[in-house]
N, C-alpha and C. Protein backbone atom coordinates (compact mmCIF):
# COMPACT_ATOMS: atom_id res chain seq x y z
N UNK A 1 -84.10 21.52 -10.84
CA UNK A 1 -83.43 20.41 -10.16
C UNK A 1 -82.31 20.94 -9.28
N UNK A 2 -82.10 20.27 -8.20
CA UNK A 2 -81.09 20.70 -7.24
C UNK A 2 -80.36 19.44 -6.76
N UNK A 3 -79.06 19.40 -7.03
CA UNK A 3 -78.26 18.22 -6.65
C UNK A 3 -77.14 18.66 -5.72
N UNK A 4 -76.86 17.85 -4.72
CA UNK A 4 -75.73 18.09 -3.81
C UNK A 4 -74.94 16.79 -3.71
N UNK A 5 -73.68 16.86 -4.10
CA UNK A 5 -72.80 15.68 -4.03
C UNK A 5 -71.64 15.98 -3.08
N UNK A 6 -71.33 15.07 -2.21
CA UNK A 6 -70.16 15.21 -1.31
C UNK A 6 -69.25 14.01 -1.52
N UNK A 7 -68.01 14.29 -1.72
CA UNK A 7 -67.02 13.23 -1.92
C UNK A 7 -65.91 13.37 -0.88
N UNK A 8 -65.53 12.29 -0.29
CA UNK A 8 -64.38 12.25 0.64
C UNK A 8 -63.42 11.15 0.18
N UNK A 9 -62.19 11.54 -0.05
CA UNK A 9 -61.19 10.56 -0.48
C UNK A 9 -59.98 10.64 0.46
N UNK A 10 -59.57 9.48 0.92
CA UNK A 10 -58.37 9.38 1.75
C UNK A 10 -57.40 8.45 1.04
N UNK A 11 -56.26 8.95 0.69
CA UNK A 11 -55.23 8.11 0.06
C UNK A 11 -53.94 8.22 0.88
N UNK A 12 -53.30 7.07 1.10
CA UNK A 12 -52.06 7.00 1.88
C UNK A 12 -50.98 6.35 1.02
N UNK A 13 -49.85 7.00 0.95
CA UNK A 13 -48.70 6.43 0.24
C UNK A 13 -47.56 6.28 1.24
N UNK A 14 -47.01 5.09 1.31
CA UNK A 14 -45.87 4.83 2.21
C UNK A 14 -44.76 4.22 1.37
N UNK A 15 -43.64 4.92 1.32
CA UNK A 15 -42.46 4.43 0.61
C UNK A 15 -41.35 4.19 1.63
N UNK A 16 -40.80 3.02 1.62
CA UNK A 16 -39.72 2.68 2.55
C UNK A 16 -38.52 2.20 1.74
N UNK A 17 -37.43 2.92 1.84
CA UNK A 17 -36.18 2.49 1.21
C UNK A 17 -35.06 2.61 2.25
N UNK A 18 -34.14 1.66 2.22
CA UNK A 18 -33.03 1.62 3.19
C UNK A 18 -31.74 1.94 2.46
N UNK A 19 -30.93 2.79 3.10
CA UNK A 19 -29.63 3.11 2.53
C UNK A 19 -28.57 3.07 3.62
N UNK A 20 -27.63 2.20 3.47
CA UNK A 20 -26.47 2.19 4.37
C UNK A 20 -25.21 2.09 3.52
N UNK A 21 -24.28 3.00 3.78
CA UNK A 21 -23.01 3.00 3.07
C UNK A 21 -21.91 2.57 4.04
N UNK A 22 -21.23 1.51 3.70
CA UNK A 22 -20.08 1.08 4.50
C UNK A 22 -18.92 0.89 3.53
N UNK A 23 -17.90 1.71 3.70
CA UNK A 23 -16.73 1.61 2.85
C UNK A 23 -15.50 1.46 3.73
N UNK A 24 -14.81 0.38 3.57
CA UNK A 24 -13.59 0.16 4.35
C UNK A 24 -12.44 -0.06 3.36
N UNK A 25 -11.43 0.80 3.47
CA UNK A 25 -10.23 0.67 2.66
C UNK A 25 -9.05 0.35 3.58
N UNK A 26 -8.41 -0.75 3.31
CA UNK A 26 -7.21 -1.10 4.08
C UNK A 26 -6.09 -1.32 3.08
N UNK A 27 -5.09 -0.47 3.15
CA UNK A 27 -3.95 -0.61 2.26
C UNK A 27 -2.68 -0.60 3.09
N UNK A 28 -1.91 -1.67 3.00
CA UNK A 28 -0.67 -1.75 3.76
C UNK A 28 0.47 -2.02 2.78
N UNK A 29 1.42 -1.12 2.77
CA UNK A 29 2.61 -1.31 1.96
C UNK A 29 3.80 -1.46 2.90
N UNK A 30 4.47 -2.59 2.83
CA UNK A 30 5.66 -2.80 3.65
C UNK A 30 6.78 -3.23 2.72
N UNK A 31 7.76 -2.38 2.62
CA UNK A 31 8.91 -2.71 1.79
C UNK A 31 10.17 -2.56 2.62
N UNK A 32 10.92 -3.64 2.78
CA UNK A 32 12.16 -3.59 3.55
C UNK A 32 13.30 -4.08 2.67
N UNK A 33 14.28 -3.23 2.51
CA UNK A 33 15.47 -3.60 1.76
C UNK A 33 16.66 -3.59 2.71
N UNK A 34 17.34 -4.72 2.80
CA UNK A 34 18.55 -4.79 3.63
C UNK A 34 19.67 -5.33 2.74
N UNK A 35 20.67 -4.51 2.55
CA UNK A 35 21.81 -4.94 1.73
C UNK A 35 23.10 -4.65 2.50
N UNK A 36 23.87 -5.69 2.74
CA UNK A 36 25.14 -5.52 3.44
C UNK A 36 26.25 -6.12 2.58
N UNK A 37 27.22 -5.30 2.29
CA UNK A 37 28.38 -5.77 1.53
C UNK A 37 29.61 -5.66 2.42
N UNK A 38 30.23 -6.78 2.70
CA UNK A 38 31.49 -6.79 3.45
C UNK A 38 32.48 -7.64 2.66
N UNK A 39 33.56 -7.01 2.26
CA UNK A 39 34.55 -7.74 1.47
C UNK A 39 35.90 -7.65 2.18
N UNK A 40 36.43 -8.80 2.54
CA UNK A 40 37.76 -8.85 3.16
C UNK A 40 38.61 -9.87 2.40
N UNK A 41 39.77 -9.44 2.02
CA UNK A 41 40.69 -10.29 1.27
C UNK A 41 41.89 -10.62 2.17
N UNK A 42 42.24 -11.92 2.23
CA UNK A 42 43.41 -12.35 3.00
C UNK A 42 44.35 -13.11 2.07
N UNK A 43 45.51 -12.57 1.85
CA UNK A 43 46.52 -13.26 1.04
C UNK A 43 47.87 -13.13 1.76
N UNK A 44 48.51 -14.24 1.93
CA UNK A 44 49.81 -14.23 2.62
C UNK A 44 50.87 -14.72 1.64
N UNK A 45 51.83 -13.89 1.46
CA UNK A 45 52.98 -14.25 0.64
C UNK A 45 54.21 -14.30 1.53
N UNK A 46 54.85 -15.45 1.57
CA UNK A 46 56.09 -15.60 2.34
C UNK A 46 57.17 -16.07 1.37
N UNK A 47 58.15 -15.27 1.18
CA UNK A 47 59.24 -15.61 0.26
C UNK A 47 60.57 -15.46 1.02
N UNK A 48 61.29 -16.52 1.03
CA UNK A 48 62.59 -16.49 1.71
C UNK A 48 63.68 -16.83 0.68
N UNK A 49 64.62 -15.96 0.62
CA UNK A 49 65.75 -16.16 -0.27
C UNK A 49 67.01 -16.38 0.58
N UNK A 50 67.66 -17.46 0.36
CA UNK A 50 68.91 -17.75 1.06
C UNK A 50 69.99 -17.97 -0.01
N UNK A 51 70.97 -17.14 -0.02
CA UNK A 51 72.06 -17.26 -0.98
C UNK A 51 73.40 -17.28 -0.21
N UNK A 52 74.13 -18.24 -0.50
CA UNK A 52 75.46 -18.34 0.15
C UNK A 52 76.55 -18.34 -0.94
N UNK A 53 77.43 -17.43 -0.80
CA UNK A 53 78.56 -17.34 -1.72
C UNK A 53 79.85 -17.68 -0.95
N UNK A 54 80.52 -18.62 -1.41
CA UNK A 54 81.81 -18.98 -0.81
C UNK A 54 82.87 -18.91 -1.91
N UNK A 55 83.77 -18.02 -1.77
CA UNK A 55 84.84 -17.87 -2.75
C UNK A 55 86.21 -18.00 -2.02
N UNK A 56 87.00 -18.80 -2.56
CA UNK A 56 88.35 -18.98 -1.97
C UNK A 56 89.40 -18.69 -3.05
N UNK A 57 90.25 -17.84 -2.69
CA UNK A 57 91.36 -17.50 -3.58
C UNK A 57 92.66 -18.02 -2.95
N UNK A 58 93.36 -18.72 -3.68
CA UNK A 58 94.64 -19.24 -3.18
C UNK A 58 95.75 -18.76 -4.16
N UNK A 59 96.64 -18.01 -3.66
CA UNK A 59 97.76 -17.56 -4.48
C UNK A 59 99.07 -18.12 -3.87
N UNK A 60 99.82 -18.63 -4.69
CA UNK A 60 101.04 -19.31 -4.23
C UNK A 60 102.26 -18.40 -4.21
N UNK A 61 102.07 -17.17 -4.45
CA UNK A 61 103.24 -16.30 -4.42
C UNK A 61 103.70 -16.09 -2.99
N UNK A 62 102.74 -15.73 -2.19
CA UNK A 62 103.12 -15.47 -0.80
C UNK A 62 102.17 -16.29 0.09
N UNK A 63 101.55 -17.28 -0.44
CA UNK A 63 100.52 -18.07 0.26
C UNK A 63 99.40 -17.16 0.78
N UNK A 64 98.65 -16.77 -0.16
CA UNK A 64 97.60 -15.79 0.12
C UNK A 64 96.25 -16.48 -0.08
N UNK A 65 95.45 -16.58 1.00
CA UNK A 65 94.16 -17.29 0.95
C UNK A 65 93.04 -16.31 1.35
N UNK A 66 92.07 -16.23 0.50
CA UNK A 66 90.90 -15.38 0.81
C UNK A 66 89.64 -16.24 0.71
N UNK A 67 88.79 -16.10 1.69
CA UNK A 67 87.51 -16.82 1.68
C UNK A 67 86.37 -15.79 1.82
N UNK A 68 85.45 -15.93 0.95
CA UNK A 68 84.26 -15.06 0.99
C UNK A 68 83.04 -15.90 1.32
N UNK A 69 82.37 -15.54 2.35
CA UNK A 69 81.11 -16.20 2.71
C UNK A 69 80.04 -15.12 2.83
N UNK A 70 79.07 -15.21 1.96
CA UNK A 70 77.99 -14.22 1.98
C UNK A 70 76.65 -14.97 2.07
N UNK A 71 75.83 -14.56 3.01
CA UNK A 71 74.50 -15.16 3.17
C UNK A 71 73.44 -14.06 3.05
N UNK A 72 72.53 -14.32 2.17
CA UNK A 72 71.41 -13.40 1.98
C UNK A 72 70.12 -14.09 2.41
N UNK A 73 69.42 -13.49 3.32
CA UNK A 73 68.11 -14.01 3.74
C UNK A 73 67.08 -12.90 3.55
N UNK A 74 66.14 -13.18 2.72
CA UNK A 74 65.08 -12.21 2.47
C UNK A 74 63.73 -12.89 2.70
N UNK A 75 62.92 -12.26 3.51
CA UNK A 75 61.58 -12.80 3.77
C UNK A 75 60.55 -11.73 3.41
N UNK A 76 59.63 -12.16 2.62
CA UNK A 76 58.52 -11.28 2.23
C UNK A 76 57.24 -11.83 2.83
N UNK A 77 56.58 -11.03 3.62
CA UNK A 77 55.29 -11.44 4.19
C UNK A 77 54.25 -10.40 3.79
N UNK A 78 53.31 -10.83 3.01
CA UNK A 78 52.23 -9.95 2.58
C UNK A 78 50.91 -10.61 2.94
N UNK A 79 50.08 -9.86 3.61
CA UNK A 79 48.79 -10.42 4.02
C UNK A 79 47.67 -9.61 3.38
N UNK A 80 46.83 -10.32 2.69
CA UNK A 80 45.61 -9.75 2.13
C UNK A 80 44.42 -10.45 2.75
N UNK A 81 43.51 -9.71 3.26
CA UNK A 81 42.32 -10.29 3.87
C UNK A 81 41.11 -9.86 3.05
N UNK A 82 40.39 -10.85 2.51
CA UNK A 82 39.20 -10.56 1.72
C UNK A 82 38.05 -11.44 2.21
N UNK A 83 37.01 -10.82 2.64
CA UNK A 83 35.81 -11.57 3.03
C UNK A 83 34.62 -10.98 2.29
N UNK A 84 33.79 -11.85 1.77
CA UNK A 84 32.57 -11.44 1.07
C UNK A 84 31.36 -11.83 1.91
N UNK A 85 30.61 -10.85 2.32
CA UNK A 85 29.36 -11.12 3.02
C UNK A 85 28.26 -10.33 2.30
N UNK A 86 27.31 -11.03 1.73
CA UNK A 86 26.22 -10.37 1.02
C UNK A 86 24.89 -10.87 1.58
N UNK A 87 24.10 -9.98 2.09
CA UNK A 87 22.78 -10.35 2.59
C UNK A 87 21.73 -9.50 1.89
N UNK A 88 20.79 -10.16 1.29
CA UNK A 88 19.68 -9.48 0.64
C UNK A 88 18.39 -9.86 1.34
N UNK A 89 17.70 -8.90 1.84
CA UNK A 89 16.40 -9.15 2.47
C UNK A 89 15.37 -8.26 1.78
N UNK A 90 14.42 -8.87 1.15
CA UNK A 90 13.36 -8.12 0.49
C UNK A 90 12.02 -8.69 0.91
N UNK A 91 11.19 -7.86 1.49
CA UNK A 91 9.85 -8.31 1.89
C UNK A 91 8.82 -7.37 1.28
N UNK A 92 7.89 -7.94 0.57
CA UNK A 92 6.79 -7.18 0.00
C UNK A 92 5.49 -7.65 0.63
N UNK A 93 4.81 -6.78 1.28
CA UNK A 93 3.50 -7.11 1.85
C UNK A 93 2.49 -6.10 1.32
N UNK A 94 1.54 -6.57 0.56
CA UNK A 94 0.50 -5.70 0.02
C UNK A 94 -0.85 -6.30 0.31
N UNK A 95 -1.67 -5.58 1.04
CA UNK A 95 -3.01 -6.07 1.36
C UNK A 95 -4.02 -5.02 0.92
N UNK A 96 -4.97 -5.46 0.17
CA UNK A 96 -6.06 -4.59 -0.27
C UNK A 96 -7.37 -5.15 0.27
N UNK A 97 -8.09 -4.38 1.03
CA UNK A 97 -9.39 -4.80 1.54
C UNK A 97 -10.40 -3.72 1.17
N UNK A 98 -11.39 -4.08 0.40
CA UNK A 98 -12.43 -3.13 0.02
C UNK A 98 -13.79 -3.78 0.23
N UNK A 99 -14.61 -3.17 1.05
CA UNK A 99 -15.95 -3.69 1.29
C UNK A 99 -16.96 -2.58 1.01
N UNK A 100 -17.91 -2.91 0.20
CA UNK A 100 -18.97 -1.96 -0.11
C UNK A 100 -20.31 -2.55 0.34
N UNK A 101 -20.99 -1.86 1.23
CA UNK A 101 -22.33 -2.27 1.66
C UNK A 101 -23.23 -1.04 1.52
N UNK A 102 -24.24 -1.17 0.71
CA UNK A 102 -25.12 -0.03 0.49
C UNK A 102 -26.56 -0.44 0.77
N UNK A 103 -27.18 0.23 1.71
CA UNK A 103 -28.60 0.03 1.97
C UNK A 103 -29.28 1.39 2.01
N UNK A 104 -30.38 1.46 1.41
CA UNK A 104 -31.12 2.71 1.31
C UNK A 104 -32.39 2.63 2.15
N UNK A 105 -32.65 3.65 2.97
CA UNK A 105 -33.87 3.72 3.78
C UNK A 105 -34.57 5.04 3.49
N UNK A 106 -35.74 4.96 2.95
CA UNK A 106 -36.54 6.16 2.73
C UNK A 106 -37.98 5.87 3.11
N UNK A 107 -38.54 6.71 3.90
CA UNK A 107 -39.94 6.54 4.29
C UNK A 107 -40.72 7.77 3.85
N UNK A 108 -41.68 7.54 3.05
CA UNK A 108 -42.58 8.61 2.61
C UNK A 108 -44.00 8.27 3.04
N UNK A 109 -44.61 9.15 3.74
CA UNK A 109 -46.02 8.99 4.10
C UNK A 109 -46.76 10.19 3.55
N UNK A 110 -47.58 9.95 2.60
CA UNK A 110 -48.35 11.02 1.98
C UNK A 110 -49.83 10.74 2.16
N UNK A 111 -50.51 11.69 2.71
CA UNK A 111 -51.96 11.54 2.90
C UNK A 111 -52.67 12.62 2.10
N UNK A 112 -53.58 12.19 1.34
CA UNK A 112 -54.38 13.11 0.54
C UNK A 112 -55.83 13.04 1.03
N UNK A 113 -56.35 14.16 1.39
CA UNK A 113 -57.76 14.24 1.79
C UNK A 113 -58.44 15.21 0.83
N UNK A 114 -59.36 14.72 0.09
CA UNK A 114 -60.06 15.56 -0.87
C UNK A 114 -61.56 15.52 -0.58
N UNK A 115 -62.10 16.67 -0.46
CA UNK A 115 -63.55 16.76 -0.26
C UNK A 115 -64.14 17.60 -1.39
N UNK A 116 -65.08 17.03 -1.99
CA UNK A 116 -65.77 17.73 -3.08
C UNK A 116 -67.22 17.99 -2.67
N UNK A 117 -67.59 19.19 -2.77
CA UNK A 117 -69.00 19.54 -2.54
C UNK A 117 -69.47 20.29 -3.79
N UNK A 118 -70.31 19.66 -4.50
CA UNK A 118 -70.81 20.27 -5.73
C UNK A 118 -72.33 20.42 -5.63
N UNK A 119 -72.78 21.55 -5.97
CA UNK A 119 -74.23 21.80 -6.00
C UNK A 119 -74.61 22.21 -7.42
N UNK A 120 -75.53 21.52 -7.90
CA UNK A 120 -76.02 21.82 -9.25
C UNK A 120 -77.44 22.37 -9.14
N UNK A 121 -77.63 23.48 -9.72
CA UNK A 121 -78.98 24.03 -9.82
C UNK A 121 -79.24 24.19 -11.31
N UNK A 122 -80.16 23.42 -11.82
CA UNK A 122 -80.39 23.42 -13.25
C UNK A 122 -81.60 24.25 -13.65
N UNK A 123 -82.18 24.85 -12.73
CA UNK A 123 -83.36 25.63 -13.12
C UNK A 123 -82.93 26.88 -13.88
N UNK A 124 -81.84 27.46 -13.40
CA UNK A 124 -81.39 28.69 -14.05
C UNK A 124 -80.10 28.42 -14.81
N UNK A 125 -79.69 27.22 -14.81
CA UNK A 125 -78.44 26.79 -15.44
C UNK A 125 -77.23 27.51 -14.81
N UNK A 126 -77.18 27.49 -13.52
CA UNK A 126 -76.02 28.04 -12.82
C UNK A 126 -75.19 26.87 -12.31
N UNK A 127 -73.88 27.01 -12.43
CA UNK A 127 -72.97 25.91 -12.05
C UNK A 127 -72.06 26.43 -10.95
N UNK A 128 -72.22 25.88 -9.77
CA UNK A 128 -71.43 26.31 -8.62
C UNK A 128 -70.71 25.09 -8.07
N UNK A 129 -69.39 25.19 -7.90
CA UNK A 129 -68.62 24.08 -7.32
C UNK A 129 -67.81 24.60 -6.14
N UNK A 130 -67.77 23.81 -5.13
CA UNK A 130 -66.95 24.10 -3.96
C UNK A 130 -65.93 22.97 -3.83
N UNK A 131 -64.67 23.33 -3.80
CA UNK A 131 -63.65 22.27 -3.75
C UNK A 131 -62.62 22.63 -2.69
N UNK A 132 -62.41 21.73 -1.77
CA UNK A 132 -61.38 21.92 -0.75
C UNK A 132 -60.43 20.73 -0.82
N UNK A 133 -59.15 21.03 -1.01
CA UNK A 133 -58.15 19.96 -1.13
C UNK A 133 -57.05 20.22 -0.11
N UNK A 134 -57.18 19.68 1.06
CA UNK A 134 -56.04 19.80 2.00
C UNK A 134 -54.96 18.78 1.63
N UNK A 135 -53.71 19.20 1.66
CA UNK A 135 -52.58 18.33 1.29
C UNK A 135 -51.63 18.24 2.47
N UNK A 136 -51.44 17.05 2.97
CA UNK A 136 -50.57 16.83 4.12
C UNK A 136 -49.49 15.86 3.70
N UNK A 137 -48.24 16.25 3.86
CA UNK A 137 -47.13 15.36 3.51
C UNK A 137 -46.22 15.22 4.73
N UNK A 138 -46.00 14.00 5.12
CA UNK A 138 -45.11 13.76 6.26
C UNK A 138 -44.00 12.86 5.82
């Protein structure tokens, strides 16, 4: 007996995957500190002292008359200036923006071509096989 078999196989594999990475980071830190201290004190002291002394001495021995007139004027002027100015300015601005977009793209095209040629000769019980397997990957 003599047999000849031929086989042809074509197989196609197509894989498609999409990949896109989008990463956006936005970080804003704004810190403003404003502190102003102004202190002014104003105090006015005015003190006036007026003292008058009048003394009269009369002696009858020789008619002796003495008069004392004393005037004291004292003025005290003290000025203190105090002013309080306090300004506090605090601003906090914090913004966080995070966006993640992921898409994957993969394309695989695989073609398999297999040809089998087998010949069987059973008269003498000999087994002969011919096999060709071309492999193409794109």
